[in-house]
Structure formats: structure tokens, C-alpha cells
């Protein structure tokens, strides 16, 4: 399902998070597994676009390189925030984000 949502909406990380939240008890293990799943699901399209020649534009590569520190900063910040949350707090936030994104999709569809 995560792959299908990634293909349809550009991101299926929330599906992975909901699935893993019911199966992985340790929140640090959950965070690491989630990061690895999202990274690996991005690797396939990255390789296909690379083989297709979509990344021959040096400006695109420079932009991606410029955004790497923001990515690493987000991972660092997310890890430190998650270490301070209980599992219940994390799940409450996760379910709130999933609910809000679902409502936004419904609103976008109907309005």
C-alpha cells in the first residue's frame, strides 16, 4: 500500500508509519525502519530517472546537493523529538497527521 500511495500521491510514508506502529514496539527501531523504508522506496525512482538521463542538468544536481543539509537536519531533529515522546504521544501525533492529510485530500477532491 505504501508503494501505491507513493506512486499516486508522491508519498506513502504515512502508510508505512501506520503499518509499522502496530508491529514495532521500540520507537527508535520504528523511526529507523521508517527512514530506511522511505529511503529505499525513493531509490528505485532515483535510479530509473538517472538511467533515463533526467539528471543530466547540473542545476538540478546542485539544487539536490544544496538540500542535503536540510534533509540531514530534519532527520536529526526528528530523532531528537521522537526520543522525548512516549509511544502513545507519537501514535497520537501520527494518527492526527494521517487524519489531517486524509481530510485535506477529501476537501481537495470535493471543493
N, C-alpha and C. Protein backbone atom coordinates (compact mmCIF):
# COMPACT_ATOMS: atom_id res chain seq x y z
N UNK A 1 0.81 -1.19 0.00
CA UNK A 1 0.00 0.00 0.00
C UNK A 1 0.86 1.26 0.00
N UNK A 2 1.98 1.23 0.74
CA UNK A 2 2.85 2.40 0.77
C UNK A 2 3.38 2.74 -0.60
N UNK A 3 3.74 1.73 -1.37
CA UNK A 3 4.23 1.94 -2.72
C UNK A 3 3.15 2.51 -3.62
N UNK A 4 1.92 2.02 -3.47
CA UNK A 4 0.81 2.53 -4.28
C UNK A 4 0.53 3.99 -3.95
N UNK A 5 0.54 4.35 -2.67
CA UNK A 5 0.32 5.74 -2.29
C UNK A 5 1.48 6.62 -2.75
N UNK A 6 2.68 6.08 -2.72
CA UNK A 6 3.82 6.84 -3.22
C UNK A 6 3.66 7.13 -4.70
N UNK A 7 3.20 6.15 -5.46
CA UNK A 7 3.00 6.34 -6.89
C UNK A 7 1.86 7.31 -7.17
N UNK A 8 0.79 7.22 -6.40
CA UNK A 8 -0.38 8.06 -6.65
C UNK A 8 -0.21 9.49 -6.14
N UNK A 9 0.36 9.64 -4.95
CA UNK A 9 0.37 10.95 -4.30
C UNK A 9 1.77 11.49 -4.06
N UNK A 10 2.81 10.76 -4.42
CA UNK A 10 4.16 11.25 -4.22
C UNK A 10 4.73 10.95 -2.84
N UNK A 11 3.99 10.27 -2.01
CA UNK A 11 4.49 9.93 -0.69
C UNK A 11 3.60 8.93 0.00
N UNK A 12 4.17 7.85 0.44
CA UNK A 12 3.40 6.83 1.13
C UNK A 12 3.94 6.56 2.52
N UNK A 13 4.74 7.47 3.03
CA UNK A 13 5.37 7.27 4.33
C UNK A 13 4.39 7.09 5.47
N UNK A 14 3.25 7.78 5.38
CA UNK A 14 2.27 7.64 6.45
C UNK A 14 1.69 6.24 6.50
N UNK A 15 1.57 5.58 5.35
CA UNK A 15 1.05 4.21 5.33
C UNK A 15 2.06 3.29 6.01
N UNK A 16 3.33 3.48 5.70
CA UNK A 16 4.37 2.70 6.38
C UNK A 16 4.33 2.94 7.88
N UNK A 17 4.16 4.20 8.29
CA UNK A 17 4.16 4.54 9.71
C UNK A 17 3.00 3.87 10.44
N UNK A 18 1.82 3.92 9.86
CA UNK A 18 0.66 3.30 10.50
C UNK A 18 0.85 1.79 10.58
N UNK A 19 1.34 1.18 9.51
CA UNK A 19 1.57 -0.26 9.49
C UNK A 19 2.60 -0.66 10.55
N UNK A 20 3.72 0.06 10.57
CA UNK A 20 4.80 -0.29 11.49
C UNK A 20 4.43 -0.01 12.94
N UNK A 21 3.61 1.02 13.17
CA UNK A 21 3.23 1.38 14.54
C UNK A 21 2.51 0.24 15.24
N UNK A 22 1.81 -0.58 14.49
CA UNK A 22 1.10 -1.71 15.07
C UNK A 22 1.98 -2.94 15.25
N UNK A 23 3.20 -2.89 14.72
CA UNK A 23 4.04 -4.09 14.74
C UNK A 23 5.39 -3.90 15.43
N UNK A 24 5.87 -2.68 15.50
CA UNK A 24 7.18 -2.43 16.09
C UNK A 24 6.97 -1.66 17.39
N UNK A 25 7.42 -2.24 18.50
CA UNK A 25 7.20 -1.63 19.81
C UNK A 25 8.20 -0.52 20.13
N UNK A 26 9.46 -0.73 19.83
CA UNK A 26 10.51 0.24 20.17
C UNK A 26 10.44 1.43 19.22
N UNK A 27 10.28 2.64 19.78
CA UNK A 27 10.09 3.80 18.92
C UNK A 27 11.35 4.15 18.13
N UNK A 28 12.53 3.89 18.66
CA UNK A 28 13.77 4.15 17.92
C UNK A 28 13.89 3.18 16.74
N UNK A 29 13.51 1.95 16.95
CA UNK A 29 13.51 0.96 15.87
C UNK A 29 12.46 1.33 14.82
N UNK A 30 11.32 1.83 15.27
CA UNK A 30 10.27 2.28 14.36
C UNK A 30 10.76 3.43 13.49
N UNK A 31 11.44 4.41 14.11
CA UNK A 31 11.95 5.56 13.37
C UNK A 31 13.00 5.14 12.35
N UNK A 32 13.91 4.26 12.77
CA UNK A 32 14.96 3.81 11.87
C UNK A 32 14.39 3.00 10.71
N UNK A 33 13.43 2.15 11.00
CA UNK A 33 12.81 1.34 9.94
C UNK A 33 12.05 2.22 8.97
N UNK A 34 11.32 3.21 9.50
CA UNK A 34 10.58 4.14 8.65
C UNK A 34 11.53 4.92 7.74
N UNK A 35 12.64 5.40 8.28
CA UNK A 35 13.61 6.15 7.48
C UNK A 35 14.20 5.26 6.39
N UNK A 36 14.49 4.02 6.72
CA UNK A 36 15.06 3.11 5.73
C UNK A 36 14.04 2.77 4.65
N UNK A 37 12.80 2.52 5.01
CA UNK A 37 11.77 2.21 4.01
C UNK A 37 11.56 3.36 3.04
N UNK A 38 11.48 4.58 3.56
CA UNK A 38 11.28 5.73 2.69
C UNK A 38 12.50 5.95 1.81
N UNK A 39 13.69 5.76 2.39
CA UNK A 39 14.91 5.90 1.59
C UNK A 39 14.99 4.87 0.47
N UNK A 40 14.65 3.64 0.78
CA UNK A 40 14.69 2.59 -0.25
C UNK A 40 13.59 2.77 -1.29
N UNK A 41 12.43 3.26 -0.87
CA UNK A 41 11.37 3.48 -1.86
C UNK A 41 11.69 4.65 -2.77
N UNK A 42 12.54 5.56 -2.33
CA UNK A 42 12.97 6.67 -3.19
C UNK A 42 14.13 6.25 -4.10
N UNK A 43 14.83 5.20 -3.74
CA UNK A 43 15.99 4.76 -4.51
C UNK A 43 15.61 4.25 -5.90
N UNK A 44 14.51 3.52 -6.01
CA UNK A 44 14.07 2.99 -7.31
C UNK A 44 13.83 4.07 -8.35
N UNK A 45 12.94 5.04 -8.04
CA UNK A 45 12.74 6.12 -9.00
C UNK A 45 14.01 6.92 -9.29
N UNK A 46 14.82 7.09 -8.27
CA UNK A 46 16.09 7.81 -8.47
C UNK A 46 16.95 7.10 -9.52
N UNK A 47 17.07 5.80 -9.40
CA UNK A 47 17.88 5.04 -10.36
C UNK A 47 17.26 5.06 -11.76
N UNK A 48 15.94 4.94 -11.84
CA UNK A 48 15.28 4.98 -13.15
C UNK A 48 15.45 6.34 -13.83
N UNK A 49 15.28 7.41 -13.07
CA UNK A 49 15.47 8.74 -13.65
C UNK A 49 16.92 8.96 -14.04
N UNK A 50 17.85 8.41 -13.26
CA UNK A 50 19.27 8.53 -13.60
C UNK A 50 19.56 7.80 -14.90
N UNK A 51 19.05 6.59 -15.05
CA UNK A 51 19.25 5.83 -16.28
C UNK A 51 18.57 6.48 -17.48
N UNK A 52 17.45 7.15 -17.24
CA UNK A 52 16.73 7.81 -18.34
C UNK A 52 17.37 9.13 -18.74
N UNK A 53 18.33 9.59 -17.97
CA UNK A 53 19.02 10.83 -18.32
C UNK A 53 18.36 12.08 -17.78
N UNK A 54 17.45 11.94 -16.85
CA UNK A 54 16.74 13.11 -16.32
C UNK A 54 17.62 13.98 -15.43
N UNK A 55 18.75 13.46 -14.99
CA UNK A 55 19.60 14.21 -14.07
C UNK A 55 20.85 14.76 -14.75
N UNK A 56 20.80 14.92 -16.06
CA UNK A 56 21.97 15.48 -16.75
C UNK A 56 22.08 16.98 -16.57
N UNK A 57 21.03 17.62 -16.08
CA UNK A 57 21.05 19.06 -15.83
C UNK A 57 21.83 19.33 -14.55
N UNK A 58 22.95 20.01 -14.66
CA UNK A 58 23.80 20.24 -13.49
C UNK A 58 23.11 21.13 -12.46
N UNK A 59 22.18 21.99 -12.89
CA UNK A 59 21.47 22.84 -11.93
C UNK A 59 20.61 21.99 -10.98
N UNK A 60 20.01 20.95 -11.51
CA UNK A 60 19.20 20.05 -10.70
C UNK A 60 20.06 19.34 -9.65
N UNK A 61 21.23 18.89 -10.08
CA UNK A 61 22.14 18.21 -9.14
C UNK A 61 22.64 19.17 -8.07
N UNK A 62 22.91 20.41 -8.45
CA UNK A 62 23.36 21.41 -7.47
C UNK A 62 22.25 21.72 -6.46
N UNK A 63 21.03 21.79 -6.95
CA UNK A 63 19.91 22.03 -6.06
C UNK A 63 19.73 20.87 -5.08
N UNK A 64 19.85 19.66 -5.59
CA UNK A 64 19.73 18.48 -4.71
C UNK A 64 20.84 18.48 -3.67
N UNK A 65 22.06 18.81 -4.08
CA UNK A 65 23.18 18.86 -3.14
C UNK A 65 22.97 19.96 -2.10
N UNK A 66 22.38 21.07 -2.52
CA UNK A 66 22.13 22.16 -1.58
C UNK A 66 21.07 21.79 -0.55
N UNK A 67 20.17 20.88 -0.90
CA UNK A 67 19.10 20.48 0.01
C UNK A 67 19.50 19.34 0.95
N UNK A 68 20.65 18.71 0.69
CA UNK A 68 21.09 17.61 1.56
C UNK A 68 21.23 18.03 3.03
N UNK A 69 21.82 19.19 3.34
CA UNK A 69 21.89 19.57 4.76
C UNK A 69 20.52 19.69 5.42
N UNK A 70 19.51 20.17 4.69
CA UNK A 70 18.16 20.27 5.25
C UNK A 70 17.61 18.88 5.54
N UNK A 71 17.90 17.92 4.65
CA UNK A 71 17.44 16.55 4.88
C UNK A 71 18.09 15.97 6.14
N UNK A 72 19.39 16.11 6.25
CA UNK A 72 20.09 15.58 7.42
C UNK A 72 19.63 16.30 8.69
N UNK A 73 19.40 17.61 8.59
CA UNK A 73 18.89 18.35 9.74
C UNK A 73 17.51 17.87 10.16
N UNK A 74 16.65 17.58 9.20
CA UNK A 74 15.33 17.07 9.51
C UNK A 74 15.38 15.70 10.18
N UNK A 75 16.27 14.85 9.69
CA UNK A 75 16.44 13.54 10.33
C UNK A 75 16.94 13.68 11.76
N UNK A 76 17.91 14.57 11.95
CA UNK A 76 18.47 14.80 13.29
C UNK A 76 17.39 15.35 14.22
N UNK A 77 16.66 16.38 13.77
CA UNK A 77 15.62 16.98 14.59
C UNK A 77 14.51 15.98 14.90
N UNK A 78 14.08 15.23 13.90
CA UNK A 78 13.04 14.23 14.12
C UNK A 78 13.46 13.18 15.13
N UNK A 79 14.71 12.77 15.06
CA UNK A 79 15.21 11.76 16.01
C UNK A 79 15.17 12.32 17.43
N UNK A 80 15.62 13.56 17.61
CA UNK A 80 15.65 14.13 18.95
C UNK A 80 14.26 14.41 19.50
N UNK A 81 13.33 14.79 18.63
CA UNK A 81 11.96 14.99 19.09
C UNK A 81 11.35 13.64 19.48
N UNK A 82 11.58 12.65 18.66
CA UNK A 82 10.99 11.34 18.91
C UNK A 82 11.52 10.71 20.20
N UNK A 83 12.78 10.94 20.50
CA UNK A 83 13.35 10.38 21.73
C UNK A 83 12.68 10.94 22.98
N UNK A 84 12.09 12.13 22.86
CA UNK A 84 11.43 12.76 24.01
C UNK A 84 9.95 12.39 24.13
N UNK A 85 9.40 11.74 23.12
CA UNK A 85 7.98 11.38 23.13
C UNK A 85 7.77 9.96 23.65
N UNK A 86 6.66 9.76 24.32
CA UNK A 86 6.28 8.39 24.64
C UNK A 86 5.67 7.77 23.39
N UNK A 87 5.53 6.47 23.40
CA UNK A 87 4.92 5.79 22.25
C UNK A 87 3.50 6.27 22.02
N UNK A 88 2.75 6.48 23.09
CA UNK A 88 1.38 6.94 22.96
C UNK A 88 1.32 8.34 22.36
N UNK A 89 2.21 9.24 22.79
CA UNK A 89 2.25 10.58 22.22
C UNK A 89 2.60 10.52 20.73
N UNK A 90 3.57 9.68 20.39
CA UNK A 90 3.96 9.54 18.99
C UNK A 90 2.79 9.05 18.15
N UNK A 91 2.09 8.02 18.63
CA UNK A 91 0.96 7.48 17.88
C UNK A 91 -0.17 8.50 17.75
N UNK A 92 -0.40 9.28 18.79
CA UNK A 92 -1.43 10.32 18.73
C UNK A 92 -1.08 11.35 17.66
N UNK A 93 0.18 11.77 17.61
CA UNK A 93 0.62 12.73 16.59
C UNK A 93 0.52 12.10 15.20
N UNK A 94 0.97 10.87 15.07
CA UNK A 94 0.93 10.17 13.78
C UNK A 94 -0.51 10.06 13.26
N UNK A 95 -1.42 9.63 14.12
CA UNK A 95 -2.81 9.48 13.70
C UNK A 95 -3.44 10.83 13.38
N UNK A 96 -3.05 11.87 14.10
CA UNK A 96 -3.55 13.21 13.80
C UNK A 96 -3.10 13.69 12.43
N UNK A 97 -1.83 13.42 12.10
CA UNK A 97 -1.30 13.81 10.79
C UNK A 97 -2.00 13.03 9.68
N UNK A 98 -2.18 11.74 9.88
CA UNK A 98 -2.87 10.92 8.87
C UNK A 98 -4.31 11.40 8.68
N UNK A 99 -5.00 11.71 9.77
CA UNK A 99 -6.37 12.21 9.69
C UNK A 99 -6.41 13.55 8.95
N UNK A 100 -5.51 14.45 9.31
CA UNK A 100 -5.48 15.77 8.66
C UNK A 100 -5.17 15.66 7.17
N UNK A 101 -4.25 14.79 6.81
CA UNK A 101 -3.93 14.64 5.38
C UNK A 101 -5.09 14.01 4.62
N UNK A 102 -5.78 13.06 5.24
CA UNK A 102 -6.96 12.46 4.60
C UNK A 102 -8.07 13.48 4.41
N UNK A 103 -8.31 14.30 5.43
CA UNK A 103 -9.33 15.35 5.31
C UNK A 103 -8.95 16.37 4.24
N UNK A 104 -7.66 16.69 4.15
CA UNK A 104 -7.21 17.63 3.12
C UNK A 104 -7.42 17.04 1.72
N UNK A 105 -7.17 15.76 1.55
CA UNK A 105 -7.42 15.12 0.26
C UNK A 105 -8.90 15.12 -0.09
N UNK A 106 -9.74 14.83 0.90
CA UNK A 106 -11.18 14.85 0.66
C UNK A 106 -11.66 16.27 0.31
N UNK A 107 -11.16 17.25 1.04
CA UNK A 107 -11.54 18.64 0.76
C UNK A 107 -11.08 19.05 -0.63
N UNK A 108 -9.90 18.63 -1.00
CA UNK A 108 -9.37 18.97 -2.32
C UNK A 108 -10.22 18.30 -3.43
N UNK A 109 -10.66 17.10 -3.16
CA UNK A 109 -11.47 16.38 -4.15
C UNK A 109 -12.86 17.01 -4.32
N UNK A 110 -13.49 17.32 -3.20
CA UNK A 110 -14.87 17.81 -3.25
C UNK A 110 -15.00 19.31 -3.50
N UNK A 111 -13.97 20.07 -3.21
CA UNK A 111 -14.08 21.54 -3.37
C UNK A 111 -13.09 21.99 -4.35
